[in-house]
Amino acid sequence: MRVAVISDTHDNIHAIKRVAERITEAGVETVIHLGDIISPFAVRLLRDALRGVKVVGVLGNNDGDVLQLAKLFSEAGWELYSGPKIIELGGRRILILHGYGSVADTESLVKNLAKSVEVDAVFFGHTHKVMVERLQGRLVLNPGEACGYLTGKSSFALVDLDTMEASIQVEETGV
């Protein structure tokens, strides 16, 4: 089973449409969104672009109208969690979270979690920085930023849950 992992869409309509198009082309059945969706219109855009694809997400530190975001996720048959959550997909246990504080604080927290929680992988966002590492046999993944605001590159990850291999998909945004 392959899943797409995205984070930090930050209301960038162009990037959301392009990433959703590429995810649809990849033929994945599930998308994991690691927070900072921001506005309800971004969820509506994702819903329309990802027809038939399930989305599981966590809230980020910049997400706005949380009640409306939760309502839209629910109406789409998607799952949205307020904080770190262990989900099960394709026979794998995956800890999903956004992140907190500085880049160093977030990376330290994630690495400690990867060493101490019984999961196959830890997926996080927040830093806008791509990371693909293995810690004690666990995949630690940050897909970077879908919005492309900080790096000028929109990125997301495709993860094969059978092999636990991740590939980062990147394209210039022109931002």
N, C-alpha and C. Protein backbone atom coordinates (compact mmCIF):
# COMPACT_ATOMS: atom_id res chain seq x y z
N MET A 1 0.85 -1.18 0.00
CA MET A 1 0.00 0.00 0.00
C MET A 1 0.89 1.24 0.00
N ARG A 2 0.58 2.18 -0.91
CA ARG A 2 1.29 3.45 -0.96
C ARG A 2 0.39 4.57 -0.46
N VAL A 3 0.98 5.47 0.33
CA VAL A 3 0.26 6.64 0.81
C VAL A 3 1.05 7.88 0.42
N ALA A 4 0.35 9.00 0.34
CA ALA A 4 1.00 10.29 0.15
C ALA A 4 1.00 11.00 1.49
N VAL A 5 2.10 11.70 1.77
CA VAL A 5 2.23 12.44 3.03
C VAL A 5 2.54 13.89 2.68
N ILE A 6 1.68 14.80 3.16
CA ILE A 6 1.86 16.23 2.90
C ILE A 6 1.81 17.00 4.20
N SER A 7 2.34 18.20 4.17
CA SER A 7 2.29 19.07 5.33
C SER A 7 2.39 20.51 4.88
N ASP A 8 1.96 21.39 5.76
CA ASP A 8 2.17 22.82 5.58
C ASP A 8 1.72 23.32 4.21
N THR A 9 0.43 23.12 3.92
CA THR A 9 -0.12 23.65 2.67
C THR A 9 -0.37 25.15 2.75
N HIS A 10 -0.60 25.68 3.94
CA HIS A 10 -0.70 27.12 4.21
C HIS A 10 -1.51 27.90 3.17
N ASP A 11 -2.66 27.34 2.77
CA ASP A 11 -3.60 28.04 1.88
C ASP A 11 -3.04 28.38 0.51
N ASN A 12 -1.94 27.80 0.09
CA ASN A 12 -1.39 28.09 -1.25
C ASN A 12 -2.22 27.31 -2.27
N ILE A 13 -3.19 27.98 -2.85
CA ILE A 13 -4.15 27.35 -3.76
C ILE A 13 -3.45 26.66 -4.93
N HIS A 14 -2.53 27.34 -5.56
CA HIS A 14 -1.82 26.77 -6.70
C HIS A 14 -1.07 25.49 -6.29
N ALA A 15 -0.35 25.56 -5.17
CA ALA A 15 0.41 24.39 -4.71
C ALA A 15 -0.51 23.24 -4.32
N ILE A 16 -1.61 23.55 -3.65
CA ILE A 16 -2.56 22.51 -3.24
C ILE A 16 -3.10 21.79 -4.48
N LYS A 17 -3.50 22.56 -5.48
CA LYS A 17 -4.03 21.94 -6.71
C LYS A 17 -2.98 21.06 -7.37
N ARG A 18 -1.75 21.56 -7.47
CA ARG A 18 -0.69 20.81 -8.15
C ARG A 18 -0.32 19.55 -7.38
N VAL A 19 -0.17 19.66 -6.06
CA VAL A 19 0.16 18.48 -5.25
C VAL A 19 -0.98 17.46 -5.33
N ALA A 20 -2.22 17.92 -5.24
CA ALA A 20 -3.36 17.00 -5.33
C ALA A 20 -3.38 16.30 -6.69
N GLU A 21 -3.06 17.03 -7.74
CA GLU A 21 -2.99 16.43 -9.09
C GLU A 21 -1.92 15.34 -9.14
N ARG A 22 -0.77 15.63 -8.59
CA ARG A 22 0.32 14.65 -8.60
C ARG A 22 0.00 13.43 -7.72
N ILE A 23 -0.68 13.67 -6.62
CA ILE A 23 -1.10 12.56 -5.74
C ILE A 23 -2.11 11.68 -6.47
N THR A 24 -3.06 12.31 -7.15
CA THR A 24 -4.06 11.55 -7.91
C THR A 24 -3.38 10.72 -9.00
N GLU A 25 -2.41 11.32 -9.70
CA GLU A 25 -1.66 10.59 -10.74
C GLU A 25 -0.91 9.40 -10.15
N ALA A 26 -0.47 9.52 -8.90
CA ALA A 26 0.29 8.44 -8.25
C ALA A 26 -0.62 7.28 -7.85
N GLY A 27 -1.93 7.51 -7.83
CA GLY A 27 -2.88 6.44 -7.56
C GLY A 27 -2.95 5.99 -6.12
N VAL A 28 -2.61 6.86 -5.18
CA VAL A 28 -2.69 6.48 -3.78
C VAL A 28 -4.14 6.52 -3.31
N GLU A 29 -4.42 5.73 -2.27
CA GLU A 29 -5.78 5.69 -1.72
C GLU A 29 -5.93 6.54 -0.47
N THR A 30 -4.79 6.86 0.16
CA THR A 30 -4.83 7.62 1.40
C THR A 30 -3.76 8.70 1.40
N VAL A 31 -4.15 9.87 1.89
CA VAL A 31 -3.23 11.00 2.08
C VAL A 31 -3.18 11.28 3.58
N ILE A 32 -1.98 11.49 4.08
CA ILE A 32 -1.80 11.91 5.46
C ILE A 32 -1.36 13.37 5.42
N HIS A 33 -2.14 14.24 6.07
CA HIS A 33 -1.81 15.68 6.12
C HIS A 33 -1.34 16.00 7.53
N LEU A 34 -0.14 16.55 7.64
CA LEU A 34 0.50 16.76 8.93
C LEU A 34 0.35 18.17 9.48
N GLY A 35 -0.68 18.87 9.06
CA GLY A 35 -1.03 20.12 9.69
C GLY A 35 -0.64 21.38 8.95
N ASP A 36 -1.15 22.48 9.45
CA ASP A 36 -1.07 23.80 8.84
C ASP A 36 -1.74 23.81 7.46
N ILE A 37 -2.98 23.32 7.49
CA ILE A 37 -3.88 23.42 6.35
C ILE A 37 -4.29 24.89 6.23
N ILE A 38 -4.65 25.48 7.31
CA ILE A 38 -5.00 26.85 7.61
C ILE A 38 -6.51 27.11 7.51
N SER A 39 -7.08 27.23 6.33
CA SER A 39 -8.47 27.69 6.18
C SER A 39 -9.39 26.62 5.62
N PRO A 40 -10.69 26.74 5.94
CA PRO A 40 -11.66 25.80 5.40
C PRO A 40 -11.65 25.72 3.87
N PHE A 41 -11.39 26.83 3.18
CA PHE A 41 -11.41 26.76 1.71
C PHE A 41 -10.32 25.81 1.19
N ALA A 42 -9.23 25.66 1.93
CA ALA A 42 -8.17 24.73 1.52
C ALA A 42 -8.66 23.28 1.63
N VAL A 43 -9.46 22.99 2.64
CA VAL A 43 -10.03 21.64 2.77
C VAL A 43 -11.01 21.37 1.64
N ARG A 44 -11.83 22.37 1.31
CA ARG A 44 -12.78 22.20 0.20
C ARG A 44 -12.03 21.94 -1.11
N LEU A 45 -10.95 22.67 -1.31
CA LEU A 45 -10.14 22.48 -2.51
C LEU A 45 -9.55 21.07 -2.55
N LEU A 46 -9.00 20.61 -1.43
CA LEU A 46 -8.46 19.25 -1.36
C LEU A 46 -9.55 18.22 -1.62
N ARG A 47 -10.71 18.43 -1.01
CA ARG A 47 -11.83 17.49 -1.18
C ARG A 47 -12.22 17.38 -2.65
N ASP A 48 -12.30 18.50 -3.33
CA ASP A 48 -12.70 18.48 -4.74
C ASP A 48 -11.61 17.88 -5.63
N ALA A 49 -10.35 18.12 -5.29
CA ALA A 49 -9.24 17.64 -6.11
C ALA A 49 -8.90 16.17 -5.85
N LEU A 50 -9.18 15.70 -4.65
CA LEU A 50 -8.80 14.32 -4.27
C LEU A 50 -10.02 13.41 -4.20
N ARG A 51 -10.89 13.52 -5.14
CA ARG A 51 -12.12 12.71 -5.13
C ARG A 51 -11.81 11.23 -4.92
N GLY A 52 -12.46 10.67 -3.89
CA GLY A 52 -12.31 9.24 -3.62
C GLY A 52 -11.06 8.87 -2.84
N VAL A 53 -10.21 9.84 -2.52
CA VAL A 53 -9.01 9.57 -1.74
C VAL A 53 -9.29 9.96 -0.30
N LYS A 54 -8.97 9.07 0.62
CA LYS A 54 -9.17 9.33 2.04
C LYS A 54 -8.05 10.22 2.54
N VAL A 55 -8.37 11.14 3.46
CA VAL A 55 -7.37 11.98 4.10
C VAL A 55 -7.46 11.79 5.61
N VAL A 56 -6.30 11.60 6.21
CA VAL A 56 -6.16 11.53 7.67
C VAL A 56 -5.22 12.67 8.03
N GLY A 57 -5.62 13.51 8.96
CA GLY A 57 -4.79 14.66 9.28
C GLY A 57 -4.71 14.98 10.74
N VAL A 58 -3.73 15.84 11.06
CA VAL A 58 -3.60 16.42 12.39
C VAL A 58 -3.56 17.93 12.23
N LEU A 59 -4.01 18.61 13.23
CA LEU A 59 -3.98 20.07 13.20
C LEU A 59 -2.56 20.57 13.43
N GLY A 60 -2.26 21.71 12.82
CA GLY A 60 -0.97 22.36 13.03
C GLY A 60 -1.13 23.58 13.92
N ASN A 61 -0.03 24.25 14.16
CA ASN A 61 -0.05 25.42 15.04
C ASN A 61 -0.67 26.65 14.39
N ASN A 62 -0.86 26.66 13.08
CA ASN A 62 -1.44 27.82 12.40
C ASN A 62 -2.85 27.59 11.89
N ASP A 63 -3.42 26.43 12.14
CA ASP A 63 -4.76 26.15 11.62
C ASP A 63 -5.78 27.05 12.29
N GLY A 64 -6.64 27.64 11.47
CA GLY A 64 -7.56 28.67 11.94
C GLY A 64 -8.87 28.16 12.49
N ASP A 65 -9.88 28.13 11.69
CA ASP A 65 -11.23 27.79 12.10
C ASP A 65 -11.33 26.27 12.31
N VAL A 66 -10.86 25.84 13.47
CA VAL A 66 -10.74 24.41 13.76
C VAL A 66 -12.09 23.69 13.69
N LEU A 67 -13.14 24.33 14.17
CA LEU A 67 -14.47 23.69 14.14
C LEU A 67 -14.91 23.45 12.70
N GLN A 68 -14.71 24.43 11.83
CA GLN A 68 -15.10 24.28 10.43
C GLN A 68 -14.20 23.26 9.73
N LEU A 69 -12.90 23.28 10.04
CA LEU A 69 -12.00 22.27 9.46
C LEU A 69 -12.47 20.87 9.84
N ALA A 70 -12.78 20.68 11.12
CA ALA A 70 -13.24 19.37 11.60
C ALA A 70 -14.55 18.97 10.93
N LYS A 71 -15.46 19.93 10.77
CA LYS A 71 -16.75 19.65 10.13
C LYS A 71 -16.53 19.21 8.68
N LEU A 72 -15.68 19.92 7.95
CA LEU A 72 -15.43 19.58 6.55
C LEU A 72 -14.75 18.22 6.41
N PHE A 73 -13.81 17.92 7.29
CA PHE A 73 -13.18 16.61 7.28
C PHE A 73 -14.23 15.53 7.51
N SER A 74 -15.07 15.74 8.50
CA SER A 74 -16.11 14.76 8.83
C SER A 74 -17.08 14.56 7.66
N GLU A 75 -17.50 15.65 7.05
CA GLU A 75 -18.43 15.56 5.92
C GLU A 75 -17.81 14.79 4.75
N ALA A 76 -16.50 14.87 4.60
CA ALA A 76 -15.82 14.16 3.51
C ALA A 76 -15.52 12.70 3.87
N GLY A 77 -15.82 12.32 5.12
CA GLY A 77 -15.50 10.97 5.57
C GLY A 77 -14.02 10.82 5.92
N TRP A 78 -13.38 11.94 6.18
CA TRP A 78 -11.96 11.97 6.53
C TRP A 78 -11.81 12.03 8.05
N GLU A 79 -10.57 11.87 8.51
CA GLU A 79 -10.26 11.91 9.94
C GLU A 79 -9.32 13.07 10.22
N LEU A 80 -9.63 13.85 11.29
CA LEU A 80 -8.78 14.97 11.70
C LEU A 80 -8.60 14.90 13.20
N TYR A 81 -7.34 14.94 13.63
CA TYR A 81 -7.00 14.84 15.05
C TYR A 81 -6.36 16.13 15.53
N SER A 82 -6.56 16.43 16.81
CA SER A 82 -6.07 17.70 17.36
C SER A 82 -4.60 17.65 17.74
N GLY A 83 -4.05 16.48 17.91
CA GLY A 83 -2.66 16.39 18.33
C GLY A 83 -2.05 15.10 17.86
N PRO A 84 -0.92 14.75 18.42
CA PRO A 84 -0.28 13.50 18.00
C PRO A 84 -1.24 12.32 18.08
N LYS A 85 -1.17 11.46 17.07
CA LYS A 85 -2.10 10.33 16.99
C LYS A 85 -1.38 9.15 16.34
N ILE A 86 -1.56 7.98 16.91
CA ILE A 86 -1.07 6.75 16.27
C ILE A 86 -2.21 6.21 15.43
N ILE A 87 -1.94 6.08 14.12
CA ILE A 87 -2.93 5.52 13.21
C ILE A 87 -2.41 4.19 12.70
N GLU A 88 -3.32 3.37 12.22
CA GLU A 88 -2.93 2.10 11.62
C GLU A 88 -3.37 2.09 10.17
N LEU A 89 -2.40 1.86 9.29
CA LEU A 89 -2.64 1.81 7.85
C LEU A 89 -1.79 0.70 7.26
N GLY A 90 -2.37 -0.09 6.41
CA GLY A 90 -1.61 -1.12 5.72
C GLY A 90 -0.83 -2.02 6.65
N GLY A 91 -1.39 -2.28 7.83
CA GLY A 91 -0.71 -3.14 8.81
C GLY A 91 0.43 -2.45 9.54
N ARG A 92 0.55 -1.15 9.39
CA ARG A 92 1.62 -0.39 10.05
C ARG A 92 1.04 0.57 11.08
N ARG A 93 1.80 0.77 12.14
CA ARG A 93 1.46 1.77 13.16
C ARG A 93 2.32 3.00 12.90
N ILE A 94 1.63 4.13 12.70
CA ILE A 94 2.32 5.37 12.34
C ILE A 94 1.89 6.47 13.30
N LEU A 95 2.87 7.11 13.92
CA LEU A 95 2.61 8.26 14.77
C LEU A 95 2.65 9.49 13.89
N ILE A 96 1.54 10.24 13.87
CA ILE A 96 1.49 11.47 13.07
C ILE A 96 1.34 12.66 14.01
N LEU A 97 2.07 13.72 13.70
CA LEU A 97 1.99 14.94 14.48
C LEU A 97 2.45 16.10 13.62
N HIS A 98 2.16 17.31 14.09
CA HIS A 98 2.63 18.49 13.36
C HIS A 98 4.03 18.84 13.83
N GLY A 99 4.16 19.35 15.01
CA GLY A 99 5.43 19.78 15.58
C GLY A 99 5.21 21.00 16.43
N TYR A 100 6.25 21.36 17.20
CA TYR A 100 6.09 22.41 18.20
C TYR A 100 7.40 23.18 18.33
N GLY A 101 7.31 24.49 18.48
CA GLY A 101 8.49 25.29 18.75
C GLY A 101 9.42 25.40 17.57
N SER A 102 10.70 25.50 17.88
CA SER A 102 11.73 25.68 16.85
C SER A 102 11.96 24.40 16.06
N VAL A 103 12.72 24.53 14.99
CA VAL A 103 13.11 23.35 14.20
C VAL A 103 13.85 22.36 15.09
N ALA A 104 14.81 22.85 15.87
CA ALA A 104 15.60 21.97 16.75
C ALA A 104 14.71 21.29 17.78
N ASP A 105 13.77 22.04 18.38
CA ASP A 105 12.87 21.46 19.38
C ASP A 105 12.01 20.35 18.76
N THR A 106 11.47 20.64 17.58
CA THR A 106 10.61 19.66 16.91
C THR A 106 11.40 18.41 16.54
N GLU A 107 12.57 18.59 15.93
CA GLU A 107 13.36 17.43 15.53
C GLU A 107 13.80 16.61 16.73
N SER A 108 14.15 17.25 17.82
CA SER A 108 14.53 16.54 19.04
C SER A 108 13.35 15.74 19.59
N LEU A 109 12.18 16.37 19.65
CA LEU A 109 10.98 15.68 20.11
C LEU A 109 10.67 14.47 19.25
N VAL A 110 10.71 14.65 17.94
CA VAL A 110 10.38 13.57 17.02
C VAL A 110 11.36 12.41 17.17
N LYS A 111 12.64 12.71 17.28
CA LYS A 111 13.65 11.65 17.42
C LYS A 111 13.47 10.90 18.74
N ASN A 112 13.13 11.62 19.80
CA ASN A 112 12.86 10.95 21.08
C ASN A 112 11.62 10.06 20.99
N LEU A 113 10.60 10.54 20.32
CA LEU A 113 9.40 9.73 20.13
C LEU A 113 9.71 8.48 19.32
N ALA A 114 10.49 8.65 18.25
CA ALA A 114 10.83 7.51 17.39
C ALA A 114 11.60 6.45 18.16
N LYS A 115 12.35 6.84 19.16
CA LYS A 115 13.14 5.89 19.96
C LYS A 115 12.32 5.24 21.07
N SER A 116 11.18 5.85 21.43
CA SER A 116 10.48 5.38 22.62
C SER A 116 9.07 4.84 22.40
N VAL A 117 8.46 5.15 21.27
CA VAL A 117 7.08 4.73 21.02
C VAL A 117 7.10 3.53 20.08
N GLU A 118 6.27 2.54 20.36
CA GLU A 118 6.22 1.32 19.55
C GLU A 118 5.40 1.55 18.28
N VAL A 119 6.07 2.08 17.28
CA VAL A 119 5.45 2.35 15.98
C VAL A 119 6.43 1.95 14.88
N ASP A 120 5.91 1.87 13.67
CA ASP A 120 6.77 1.60 12.51
C ASP A 120 7.35 2.87 11.92
N ALA A 121 6.66 4.00 12.18
CA ALA A 121 7.10 5.27 11.59
C ALA A 121 6.58 6.44 12.40
N VAL A 122 7.31 7.56 12.27
CA VAL A 122 6.86 8.84 12.82
C VAL A 122 6.88 9.84 11.68
N PHE A 123 5.72 10.42 11.39
CA PHE A 123 5.58 11.43 10.34
C PHE A 123 5.26 12.76 11.01
N PHE A 124 5.99 13.83 10.62
CA PHE A 124 5.76 15.13 11.22
C PHE A 124 5.95 16.23 10.19
N GLY A 125 5.48 17.42 10.52
CA GLY A 125 5.61 18.59 9.65
C GLY A 125 6.27 19.73 10.39
N HIS A 126 5.71 20.92 10.29
CA HIS A 126 6.05 22.10 11.04
C HIS A 126 7.36 22.80 10.64
N THR A 127 8.40 22.06 10.38
CA THR A 127 9.71 22.67 10.13
C THR A 127 9.89 23.15 8.69
N HIS A 128 9.02 22.69 7.79
CA HIS A 128 9.11 23.00 6.36
C HIS A 128 10.39 22.42 5.77
N LYS A 129 10.98 21.47 6.42
CA LYS A 129 12.28 20.92 6.04
C LYS A 129 12.16 19.41 5.82
N VAL A 130 12.54 18.95 4.63
CA VAL A 130 12.47 17.52 4.33
C VAL A 130 13.41 16.74 5.24
N MET A 131 12.89 15.62 5.75
CA MET A 131 13.72 14.70 6.52
C MET A 131 13.26 13.28 6.24
N VAL A 132 14.18 12.42 5.89
CA VAL A 132 13.91 10.99 5.75
C VAL A 132 15.06 10.28 6.44
N GLU A 133 14.77 9.68 7.59
CA GLU A 133 15.80 9.01 8.38
C GLU A 133 15.25 7.70 8.93
N ARG A 134 16.16 6.89 9.40
CA ARG A 134 15.80 5.66 10.13
C ARG A 134 16.39 5.77 11.53
N LEU A 135 15.55 5.57 12.52
CA LEU A 135 15.99 5.54 13.90
C LEU A 135 15.47 4.26 14.53
N GLN A 136 16.38 3.44 14.98
CA GLN A 136 16.02 2.15 15.59
C GLN A 136 15.03 1.38 14.73
N GLY A 137 15.28 1.40 13.41
CA GLY A 137 14.46 0.66 12.47
C GLY A 137 13.15 1.35 12.09
N ARG A 138 12.92 2.52 12.65
CA ARG A 138 11.68 3.24 12.36
C ARG A 138 11.93 4.33 11.33
N LEU A 139 10.98 4.50 10.42
CA LEU A 139 11.05 5.57 9.44
C LEU A 139 10.61 6.87 10.10
N VAL A 140 11.47 7.88 10.01
CA VAL A 140 11.15 9.22 10.50
C VAL A 140 11.08 10.11 9.27
N LEU A 141 9.91 10.74 9.07
CA LEU A 141 9.67 11.45 7.81
C LEU A 141 9.03 12.80 8.03
N ASN A 142 9.61 13.80 7.40
CA ASN A 142 8.97 15.10 7.23
C ASN A 142 8.96 15.35 5.73
N PRO A 143 7.78 15.51 5.12
CA PRO A 143 7.71 15.69 3.67
C PRO A 143 8.09 17.09 3.20
N GLY A 144 8.45 17.97 4.13
CA GLY A 144 8.76 19.34 3.75
C GLY A 144 7.50 20.17 3.68
N GLU A 145 7.49 21.13 2.80
CA GLU A 145 6.35 22.05 2.70
C GLU A 145 5.67 21.95 1.35
N ALA A 146 4.38 21.67 1.40
CA ALA A 146 3.62 21.64 0.14
C ALA A 146 3.47 23.05 -0.42
N CYS A 147 3.41 24.05 0.47
CA CYS A 147 3.17 25.43 0.02
C CYS A 147 4.36 26.03 -0.73
N GLY A 148 5.57 25.66 -0.41
CA GLY A 148 6.75 26.20 -1.08
C GLY A 148 7.13 27.60 -0.65
N TYR A 149 6.52 28.13 0.39
CA TYR A 149 6.77 29.52 0.78
C TYR A 149 8.19 29.78 1.26
N LEU A 150 8.76 28.87 2.03
CA LEU A 150 10.09 29.11 2.59
C LEU A 150 11.22 28.67 1.68
N THR A 151 11.00 27.62 0.92
CA THR A 151 12.08 27.04 0.11
C THR A 151 11.94 27.33 -1.37
N GLY A 152 10.76 27.76 -1.80
CA GLY A 152 10.51 27.92 -3.22
C GLY A 152 10.27 26.58 -3.91
N LYS A 153 10.15 25.53 -3.11
CA LYS A 153 9.90 24.18 -3.64
C LYS A 153 8.74 23.55 -2.89
N SER A 154 7.79 23.07 -3.65
CA SER A 154 6.66 22.34 -3.10
C SER A 154 7.04 20.87 -3.03
N SER A 155 6.86 20.27 -1.85
CA SER A 155 7.24 18.87 -1.73
C SER A 155 6.19 18.07 -0.96
N PHE A 156 6.19 16.80 -1.24
CA PHE A 156 5.39 15.82 -0.50
C PHE A 156 6.09 14.49 -0.63
N ALA A 157 5.64 13.50 0.11
CA ALA A 157 6.28 12.19 0.08
C ALA A 157 5.30 11.12 -0.37
N LEU A 158 5.83 10.14 -1.07
CA LEU A 158 5.10 8.90 -1.33
C LEU A 158 5.79 7.83 -0.50
N VAL A 159 4.99 7.08 0.26
CA VAL A 159 5.54 6.06 1.15
C VAL A 159 4.91 4.72 0.81
N ASP A 160 5.76 3.74 0.59
CA ASP A 160 5.33 2.36 0.38
C ASP A 160 5.29 1.70 1.76
N LEU A 161 4.10 1.42 2.26
CA LEU A 161 3.97 0.86 3.60
C LEU A 161 4.42 -0.60 3.67
N ASP A 162 4.51 -1.28 2.53
CA ASP A 162 5.01 -2.65 2.54
C ASP A 162 6.51 -2.68 2.82
N THR A 163 7.25 -1.79 2.16
CA THR A 163 8.71 -1.75 2.31
C THR A 163 9.19 -0.67 3.28
N MET A 164 8.29 0.26 3.63
CA MET A 164 8.60 1.42 4.46
C MET A 164 9.67 2.30 3.82
N GLU A 165 9.61 2.39 2.49
CA GLU A 165 10.50 3.28 1.74
C GLU A 165 9.72 4.55 1.38
N ALA A 166 10.41 5.68 1.49
CA ALA A 166 9.79 6.96 1.17
C ALA A 166 10.55 7.63 0.05
N SER A 167 9.80 8.27 -0.85
CA SER A 167 10.43 9.08 -1.89
C SER A 167 9.81 10.47 -1.83
N ILE A 168 10.68 11.46 -1.85
CA ILE A 168 10.24 12.84 -1.78
C ILE A 168 10.02 13.35 -3.21
N GLN A 169 8.85 13.94 -3.43
CA GLN A 169 8.48 14.51 -4.71
C GLN A 169 8.59 16.03 -4.59
N VAL A 170 9.37 16.66 -5.45
CA VAL A 170 9.64 18.10 -5.33
C VAL A 170 9.44 18.78 -6.68
N GLU A 171 8.91 20.01 -6.62
CA GLU A 171 8.88 20.83 -7.83
C GLU A 171 9.00 22.29 -7.43
N GLU A 172 9.61 23.07 -8.29
CA GLU A 172 9.78 24.51 -8.08
C GLU A 172 8.40 25.16 -8.09
N THR A 173 8.19 26.14 -7.21
CA THR A 173 6.89 26.80 -7.14
C THR A 173 6.91 28.17 -7.80
N GLY A 174 8.07 28.76 -7.92
CA GLY A 174 8.14 30.11 -8.46
C GLY A 174 7.73 31.16 -7.44
N VAL A 175 7.57 30.75 -6.19
CA VAL A 175 7.18 31.68 -5.12
C VAL A 175 8.39 32.49 -4.70
